[in-house]
């Protein structure tokens, strides 16, 4: 399988959390993510493009620990996966996460997809949100 797509672990530049909240711990809860947005939705082939991905989360335990970004080909076959720690999220039960990714200029033109999910400190993973991305 080809090393592909926009969202290589090395391309995962940063994850930031804004705001504040309150919460506790325990695995009697599962984080939930919603409202996926990304900009831009396409990139010219051969050019590295910054993609800003945002989504909201709720986590009654307030212990979100990691964010995972997955790159898929046009048939939804997983091509690459990167997981990074989310710092400063302790006690936050609802907020917005921003992921800044960079496209790989060596990828051929075509339709790709990405998926995102978060995991808390107890290993409970949220739902996965997916979105299309075009290299033209």
Foldseek 3Di string as FASTA:
>chain_A
DDQDKFFAQVQFDDKAWDDAAAAAADDPWAKAKDDWDKPPQEAEAQDKDKMKIKIKMFTRHQFWFKKKKFKAAPVRDTNHMHMDTYPPRRGGGITMMIIIGIIDNNHDWDKMKMKMWIAGPVGHIYDIDMDIHTHD
